[in-house]
Amino acid sequence: MDKMWASFTGMGLMLSAAALVIFARSKLKGPFRFLFVTIAFVLLLISVVFMLASMS
């Protein structure tokens, strides 16, 4: 069960990262755009950790 929840968390973080990038590229300019894309990248890295944890 723990692997399933780790996998769901990873997928949710990936979805959040994608939504943040889409929002940042379509609506924001300047430093806010960079900030949101950076946050999305960090979420993506955390989701990779969760997905790898769910595989082992």
PDB file of N, CA and C in Angstrom:
ATOM      1  N   MET A   1       0.813  -1.196   0.000  1.00  0.00           N
ATOM      2  CA  MET A   1       0.000   0.000   0.000  1.00  0.00           C
ATOM      3  C   MET A   1       0.858   1.263   0.000  1.00  0.00           C
ATOM      4  N   ASP A   2       1.981   1.215   0.716  1.00  0.00           N
ATOM      5  CA  ASP A   2       2.841   2.395   0.779  1.00  0.00           C
ATOM      6  C   ASP A   2       3.408   2.750  -0.594  1.00  0.00           C
ATOM      7  N   LYS A   3       3.719   1.731  -1.386  1.00  0.00           N
ATOM      8  CA  LYS A   3       4.235   1.987  -2.734  1.00  0.00           C
ATOM      9  C   LYS A   3       3.180   2.654  -3.605  1.00  0.00           C
ATOM     10  N   MET A   4       1.937   2.263  -3.419  1.00  0.00           N
ATOM     11  CA  MET A   4       0.856   2.857  -4.186  1.00  0.00           C
ATOM     12  C   MET A   4       0.725   4.343  -3.849  1.00  0.00           C
ATOM     13  N   TRP A   5       0.773   4.675  -2.554  1.00  0.00           N
ATOM     14  CA  TRP A   5       0.646   6.079  -2.156  1.00  0.00           C
ATOM     15  C   TRP A   5       1.844   6.896  -2.613  1.00  0.00           C
ATOM     16  N   ALA A   6       3.016   6.305  -2.594  1.00  0.00           N
ATOM     17  CA  ALA A   6       4.207   7.005  -3.097  1.00  0.00           C
ATOM     18  C   ALA A   6       4.064   7.269  -4.596  1.00  0.00           C
ATOM     19  N   SER A   7       3.523   6.316  -5.313  1.00  0.00           N
ATOM     20  CA  SER A   7       3.315   6.485  -6.747  1.00  0.00           C
ATOM     21  C   SER A   7       2.279   7.571  -7.026  1.00  0.00           C
ATOM     22  N   PHE A   8       1.172   7.569  -6.282  1.00  0.00           N
ATOM     23  CA  PHE A   8       0.156   8.609  -6.449  1.00  0.00           C
ATOM     24  C   PHE A   8       0.711   9.988  -6.122  1.00  0.00           C
ATOM     25  N   THR A   9       1.524  10.073  -5.085  1.00  0.00           N
ATOM     26  CA  THR A   9       2.139  11.353  -4.719  1.00  0.00           C
ATOM     27  C   THR A   9       3.058  11.837  -5.831  1.00  0.00           C
ATOM     28  N   GLY A  10       3.852  10.938  -6.385  1.00  0.00           N
ATOM     29  CA  GLY A  10       4.732  11.297  -7.490  1.00  0.00           C
ATOM     30  C   GLY A  10       3.962  11.785  -8.703  1.00  0.00           C
ATOM     31  N   MET A  11       2.859  11.097  -9.031  1.00  0.00           N
ATOM     32  CA  MET A  11       2.051  11.520 -10.174  1.00  0.00           C
ATOM     33  C   MET A  11       1.393  12.876  -9.922  1.00  0.00           C
ATOM     34  N   GLY A  12       0.943  13.094  -8.695  1.00  0.00           N
ATOM     35  CA  GLY A  12       0.343  14.380  -8.355  1.00  0.00           C
ATOM     36  C   GLY A  12       1.339  15.522  -8.446  1.00  0.00           C
ATOM     37  N   LEU A  13       2.561  15.269  -7.989  1.00  0.00           N
ATOM     38  CA  LEU A  13       3.599  16.294  -8.079  1.00  0.00           C
ATOM     39  C   LEU A  13       3.966  16.577  -9.534  1.00  0.00           C
ATOM     40  N   MET A  14       3.996  15.544 -10.369  1.00  0.00           N
ATOM     41  CA  MET A  14       4.267  15.759 -11.798  1.00  0.00           C
ATOM     42  C   MET A  14       3.163  16.580 -12.442  1.00  0.00           C
ATOM     43  N   LEU A  15       1.925  16.293 -12.097  1.00  0.00           N
ATOM     44  CA  LEU A  15       0.802  17.055 -12.628  1.00  0.00           C
ATOM     45  C   LEU A  15       0.875  18.520 -12.176  1.00  0.00           C
ATOM     46  N   SER A  16       1.224  18.734 -10.909  1.00  0.00           N
ATOM     47  CA  SER A  16       1.367  20.096 -10.391  1.00  0.00           C
ATOM     48  C   SER A  16       2.486  20.839 -11.102  1.00  0.00           C
ATOM     49  N   ALA A  17       3.589  20.162 -11.344  1.00  0.00           N
ATOM     50  CA  ALA A  17       4.714  20.795 -12.039  1.00  0.00           C
ATOM     51  C   ALA A  17       4.322  21.184 -13.458  1.00  0.00           C
ATOM     52  N   ALA A  18       3.613  20.316 -14.143  1.00  0.00           N
ATOM     53  CA  ALA A  18       3.181  20.626 -15.512  1.00  0.00           C
ATOM     54  C   ALA A  18       2.222  21.811 -15.524  1.00  0.00           C
ATOM     55  N   ALA A  19       1.301  21.838 -14.576  1.00  0.00           N
ATOM     56  CA  ALA A  19       0.342  22.945 -14.506  1.00  0.00           C
ATOM     57  C   ALA A  19       1.047  24.262 -14.204  1.00  0.00           C
ATOM     58  N   LEU A  20       2.036  24.231 -13.311  1.00  0.00           N
ATOM     59  CA  LEU A  20       2.792  25.446 -12.998  1.00  0.00           C
ATOM     60  C   LEU A  20       3.552  25.968 -14.208  1.00  0.00           C
ATOM     61  N   VAL A  21       4.163  25.085 -14.972  1.00  0.00           N
ATOM     62  CA  VAL A  21       4.907  25.510 -16.159  1.00  0.00           C
ATOM     63  C   VAL A  21       3.961  26.104 -17.201  1.00  0.00           C
ATOM     64  N   ILE A  22       2.832  25.462 -17.420  1.00  0.00           N
ATOM     65  CA  ILE A  22       1.862  25.986 -18.385  1.00  0.00           C
ATOM     66  C   ILE A  22       1.366  27.361 -17.949  1.00  0.00           C
ATOM     67  N   PHE A  23       1.045  27.500 -16.664  1.00  0.00           N
ATOM     68  CA  PHE A  23       0.584  28.789 -16.150  1.00  0.00           C
ATOM     69  C   PHE A  23       1.669  29.850 -16.275  1.00  0.00           C
ATOM     70  N   ALA A  24       2.892  29.505 -15.896  1.00  0.00           N
ATOM     71  CA  ALA A  24       3.981  30.479 -15.938  1.00  0.00           C
ATOM     72  C   ALA A  24       4.279  30.942 -17.355  1.00  0.00           C
ATOM     73  N   ARG A  25       4.258  30.030 -18.284  1.00  0.00           N
ATOM     74  CA  ARG A  25       4.596  30.405 -19.664  1.00  0.00           C
ATOM     75  C   ARG A  25       3.480  31.175 -20.351  1.00  0.00           C
ATOM     76  N   SER A  26       2.243  30.971 -19.929  1.00  0.00           N
ATOM     77  CA  SER A  26       1.144  31.652 -20.615  1.00  0.00           C
ATOM     78  C   SER A  26       0.734  32.965 -19.952  1.00  0.00           C
ATOM     79  N   LYS A  27       0.928  33.091 -18.629  1.00  0.00           N
ATOM     80  CA  LYS A  27       0.385  34.256 -17.925  1.00  0.00           C
ATOM     81  C   LYS A  27       1.428  35.174 -17.296  1.00  0.00           C
ATOM     82  N   LEU A  28       2.616  34.672 -17.009  1.00  0.00           N
ATOM     83  CA  LEU A  28       3.568  35.458 -16.232  1.00  0.00           C
ATOM     84  C   LEU A  28       4.714  35.981 -17.081  1.00  0.00           C
ATOM     85  N   LYS A  29       5.361  37.012 -16.553  1.00  0.00           N
ATOM     86  CA  LYS A  29       6.527  37.605 -17.215  1.00  0.00           C
ATOM     87  C   LYS A  29       7.600  37.867 -16.162  1.00  0.00           C
ATOM     88  N   GLY A  30       8.829  37.950 -16.615  1.00  0.00           N
ATOM     89  CA  GLY A  30       9.938  38.376 -15.766  1.00  0.00           C
ATOM     90  C   GLY A  30      10.299  37.410 -14.655  1.00  0.00           C
ATOM     91  N   PRO A  31      10.604  37.966 -13.476  1.00  0.00           N
ATOM     92  CA  PRO A  31      11.094  37.125 -12.370  1.00  0.00           C
ATOM     93  C   PRO A  31      10.037  36.160 -11.825  1.00  0.00           C
ATOM     94  N   PHE A  32       8.761  36.533 -11.917  1.00  0.00           N
ATOM     95  CA  PHE A  32       7.722  35.617 -11.437  1.00  0.00           C
ATOM     96  C   PHE A  32       7.668  34.357 -12.298  1.00  0.00           C
ATOM     97  N   ARG A  33       7.880  34.529 -13.583  1.00  0.00           N
ATOM     98  CA  ARG A  33       7.909  33.383 -14.495  1.00  0.00           C
ATOM     99  C   ARG A  33       9.058  32.453 -14.120  1.00  0.00           C
ATOM    100  N   PHE A  34      10.238  33.019 -13.904  1.00  0.00           N
ATOM    101  CA  PHE A  34      11.402  32.226 -13.516  1.00  0.00           C
ATOM    102  C   PHE A  34      11.161  31.520 -12.186  1.00  0.00           C
ATOM    103  N   LEU A  35      10.544  32.216 -11.229  1.00  0.00           N
ATOM    104  CA  LEU A  35      10.270  31.632  -9.924  1.00  0.00           C
ATOM    105  C   LEU A  35       9.323  30.441 -10.035  1.00  0.00           C
ATOM    106  N   PHE A  36       8.258  30.600 -10.809  1.00  0.00           N
ATOM    107  CA  PHE A  36       7.289  29.518 -10.943  1.00  0.00           C
ATOM    108  C   PHE A  36       7.876  28.320 -11.680  1.00  0.00           C
ATOM    109  N   VAL A  37       8.675  28.572 -12.703  1.00  0.00           N
ATOM    110  CA  VAL A  37       9.305  27.467 -13.426  1.00  0.00           C
ATOM    111  C   VAL A  37      10.320  26.755 -12.533  1.00  0.00           C
ATOM    112  N   THR A  38      11.029  27.496 -11.690  1.00  0.00           N
ATOM    113  CA  THR A  38      11.975  26.891 -10.755  1.00  0.00           C
ATOM    114  C   THR A  38      11.249  26.028  -9.731  1.00  0.00           C
ATOM    115  N   ILE A  39      10.136  26.521  -9.216  1.00  0.00           N
ATOM    116  CA  ILE A  39       9.333  25.724  -8.272  1.00  0.00           C
ATOM    117  C   ILE A  39       8.835  24.452  -8.951  1.00  0.00           C
ATOM    118  N   ALA A  40       8.399  24.570 -10.198  1.00  0.00           N
ATOM    119  CA  ALA A  40       7.936  23.393 -10.939  1.00  0.00           C
ATOM    120  C   ALA A  40       9.062  22.382 -11.119  1.00  0.00           C
ATOM    121  N   PHE A  41      10.279  22.866 -11.377  1.00  0.00           N
ATOM    122  CA  PHE A  41      11.409  21.959 -11.537  1.00  0.00           C
ATOM    123  C   PHE A  41      11.718  21.226 -10.229  1.00  0.00           C
ATOM    124  N   VAL A  42      11.638  21.929  -9.117  1.00  0.00           N
ATOM    125  CA  VAL A  42      11.863  21.291  -7.816  1.00  0.00           C
ATOM    126  C   VAL A  42      10.784  20.247  -7.546  1.00  0.00           C
ATOM    127  N   LEU A  43       9.536  20.567  -7.864  1.00  0.00           N
ATOM    128  CA  LEU A  43       8.464  19.581  -7.701  1.00  0.00           C
ATOM    129  C   LEU A  43       8.704  18.350  -8.566  1.00  0.00           C
ATOM    130  N   LEU A  44       9.205  18.566  -9.767  1.00  0.00           N
ATOM    131  CA  LEU A  44       9.511  17.446 -10.650  1.00  0.00           C
ATOM    132  C   LEU A  44      10.612  16.566 -10.071  1.00  0.00           C
ATOM    133  N   LEU A  45      11.642  17.173  -9.506  1.00  0.00           N
ATOM    134  CA  LEU A  45      12.711  16.388  -8.881  1.00  0.00           C
ATOM    135  C   LEU A  45      12.195  15.588  -7.685  1.00  0.00           C
ATOM    136  N   ILE A  46      11.342  16.189  -6.878  1.00  0.00           N
ATOM    137  CA  ILE A  46      10.771  15.471  -5.739  1.00  0.00           C
ATOM    138  C   ILE A  46       9.884  14.325  -6.229  1.00  0.00           C
ATOM    139  N   SER A  47       9.156  14.552  -7.321  1.00  0.00           N
ATOM    140  CA  SER A  47       8.301  13.485  -7.843  1.00  0.00           C
ATOM    141  C   SER A  47       9.133  12.307  -8.358  1.00  0.00           C
ATOM    142  N   VAL A  48      10.291  12.585  -8.919  1.00  0.00           N
ATOM    143  CA  VAL A  48      11.186  11.497  -9.365  1.00  0.00           C
ATOM    144  C   VAL A  48      11.600  10.647  -8.178  1.00  0.00           C
ATOM    145  N   VAL A  49      11.898  11.284  -7.058  1.00  0.00           N
ATOM    146  CA  VAL A  49      12.280  10.540  -5.852  1.00  0.00           C
ATOM    147  C   VAL A  49      11.133   9.646  -5.403  1.00  0.00           C
ATOM    148  N   PHE A  50       9.918  10.185  -5.387  1.00  0.00           N
ATOM    149  CA  PHE A  50       8.761   9.376  -4.994  1.00  0.00           C
ATOM    150  C   PHE A  50       8.512   8.220  -5.948  1.00  0.00           C
ATOM    151  N   MET A  51       8.667   8.467  -7.236  1.00  0.00           N
ATOM    152  CA  MET A  51       8.442   7.401  -8.217  1.00  0.00           C
ATOM    153  C   MET A  51       9.503   6.309  -8.104  1.00  0.00           C
ATOM    154  N   LEU A  52      10.746   6.706  -7.857  1.00  0.00           N
ATOM    155  CA  LEU A  52      11.787   5.699  -7.663  1.00  0.00           C
ATOM    156  C   LEU A  52      11.552   4.904  -6.390  1.00  0.00           C
ATOM    157  N   ALA A  53      11.062   5.568  -5.354  1.00  0.00           N
ATOM    158  CA  ALA A  53      10.760   4.870  -4.098  1.00  0.00           C
ATOM    159  C   ALA A  53       9.625   3.882  -4.290  1.00  0.00           C
ATOM    160  N   SER A  54       8.679   4.209  -5.171  1.00  0.00           N
ATOM    161  CA  SER A  54       7.556   3.302  -5.375  1.00  0.00           C
ATOM    162  C   SER A  54       7.957   2.089  -6.211  1.00  0.00           C
ATOM    163  N   MET A  55       9.068   2.171  -6.924  1.00  0.00           N
ATOM    164  CA  MET A  55       9.496   1.051  -7.759  1.00  0.00           C
ATOM    165  C   MET A  55      10.287   0.000  -6.979  1.00  0.00           C
ATOM    166  N   SER A  56      10.949   0.398  -5.919  1.00  0.00           N
ATOM    167  CA  SER A  56      11.805  -0.567  -5.215  1.00  0.00           C
ATOM    168  C   SER A  56      11.072  -1.340  -4.153  1.00  0.00           C
TER     169      SER A  56
END
